[in-house]
Amino acid sequence: MDKFNNLSSRMEELVNASRLNSLLAKREEDEKKKNTIIWVLAIIGAIAAVAGIAFAVYKFFTPDYLEDFEEDFDDDFDYDFDDETEE
């Protein structure tokens, strides 16, 4: 009977060890997936940051020609009305 109990306890130890190994393997797979997701998001974030900075620099250094055009147009328009009221 003692051999049976000894064998039974060894079987339980093996089953517990296999469960522990499977849990550790699953945990490692989950960590790899999380690590991959973090890398992908970091790369996307870096690309978005560079694109945002490039756009801001472009907007800062590009002259605004439309603003000058609108000011000239408004001045001419006001001048036309002034001429009609004087006559």
Protein backbone atom coordinates (compact mmCIF):
# COMPACT_ATOMS: atom_id res chain seq x y z
CA MET A 1 0.00 0.00 0.00
CA ASP A 2 2.92 2.29 0.72
CA LYS A 3 4.21 1.93 -2.84
CA PHE A 4 0.81 2.89 -4.18
CA ASN A 5 0.70 6.07 -2.07
CA ASN A 6 4.25 6.91 -3.07
CA LEU A 7 3.40 6.39 -6.76
CA SER A 8 0.22 8.40 -6.35
CA SER A 9 2.06 11.32 -4.78
CA ARG A 10 4.65 11.27 -7.57
CA MET A 11 1.89 11.31 -10.18
CA GLU A 12 0.32 14.31 -8.46
CA GLU A 13 3.67 16.07 -8.49
CA LEU A 14 4.07 15.38 -12.21
CA VAL A 15 0.57 16.62 -12.96
CA ASN A 16 1.15 19.76 -10.92
CA ALA A 17 4.49 20.36 -12.61
CA SER A 18 2.92 19.97 -16.06
CA ARG A 19 0.14 22.39 -15.11
CA LEU A 20 2.72 24.85 -13.86
CA ASN A 21 4.73 24.51 -17.07
CA SER A 22 1.65 25.05 -19.21
CA LEU A 23 0.71 28.15 -17.20
CA LEU A 24 4.22 29.54 -17.55
CA ALA A 25 4.25 28.85 -21.29
CA LYS A 26 0.87 30.55 -21.68
CA ARG A 27 2.11 33.53 -19.67
CA GLU A 28 5.20 33.84 -21.87
CA GLU A 29 3.02 33.77 -25.02
CA ASP A 30 0.79 36.49 -23.59
CA GLU A 31 3.82 38.61 -22.75
CA LYS A 32 5.16 38.20 -26.29
CA LYS A 33 1.81 39.29 -27.73
CA LYS A 34 1.69 42.31 -25.43
CA ASN A 35 5.26 43.19 -26.29
CA THR A 36 4.47 43.02 -30.01
CA ILE A 37 1.42 45.23 -29.58
CA ILE A 38 3.45 47.77 -27.60
CA TRP A 39 6.11 47.89 -30.34
CA VAL A 40 3.51 48.38 -33.08
CA LEU A 41 1.82 51.20 -31.15
CA ALA A 42 5.18 52.81 -30.42
CA ILE A 43 6.12 52.79 -34.10
CA ILE A 44 2.74 54.24 -35.12
CA GLY A 45 3.09 56.93 -32.44
CA ALA A 46 6.58 57.84 -33.61
CA ILE A 47 5.43 58.13 -37.22
CA ALA A 48 2.47 60.30 -36.16
CA ALA A 49 4.75 62.55 -34.10
CA VAL A 50 7.20 63.04 -36.98
CA ALA A 51 4.34 63.75 -39.37
CA GLY A 52 2.84 66.28 -36.95
CA ILE A 53 6.15 68.06 -36.50
CA ALA A 54 6.74 68.14 -40.27
CA PHE A 55 3.28 69.59 -40.84
CA ALA A 56 3.79 72.25 -38.16
CA VAL A 57 7.15 73.26 -39.65
CA TYR A 58 5.62 73.41 -43.13
CA LYS A 59 2.75 75.60 -41.95
CA PHE A 60 5.13 77.88 -40.03
CA PHE A 61 7.47 78.49 -42.97
CA THR A 62 4.89 78.67 -45.77
CA PRO A 63 3.91 82.30 -46.45
CA ASP A 64 0.21 83.12 -46.45
CA TYR A 65 -0.46 84.78 -49.79
CA LEU A 66 -4.22 84.67 -49.40
CA GLU A 67 -4.15 87.08 -46.45
CA ASP A 68 -2.47 89.78 -48.55
CA PHE A 69 -4.93 89.23 -51.41
CA GLU A 70 -7.95 89.62 -49.16
CA GLU A 71 -6.61 92.86 -47.68
CA ASP A 72 -6.04 94.38 -51.13
CA PHE A 73 -9.47 93.31 -52.28
CA ASP A 74 -11.16 94.86 -49.24
CA ASP A 75 -9.33 98.15 -49.76
CA ASP A 76 -10.40 98.37 -53.39
CA PHE A 77 -13.95 97.50 -52.50
CA ASP A 78 -14.15 100.24 -49.87
CA TYR A 79 -12.57 102.70 -52.27
CA ASP A 80 -15.23 102.01 -54.88
CA PHE A 81 -18.01 102.80 -52.44
CA ASP A 82 -16.32 106.01 -51.36
CA ASP A 83 -16.23 107.24 -54.96
CA GLU A 84 -19.96 106.67 -55.49
CA THR A 85 -21.00 108.55 -52.38
CA GLU A 86 -18.91 111.60 -53.26
CA GLU A 87 -20.56 112.12 -56.63
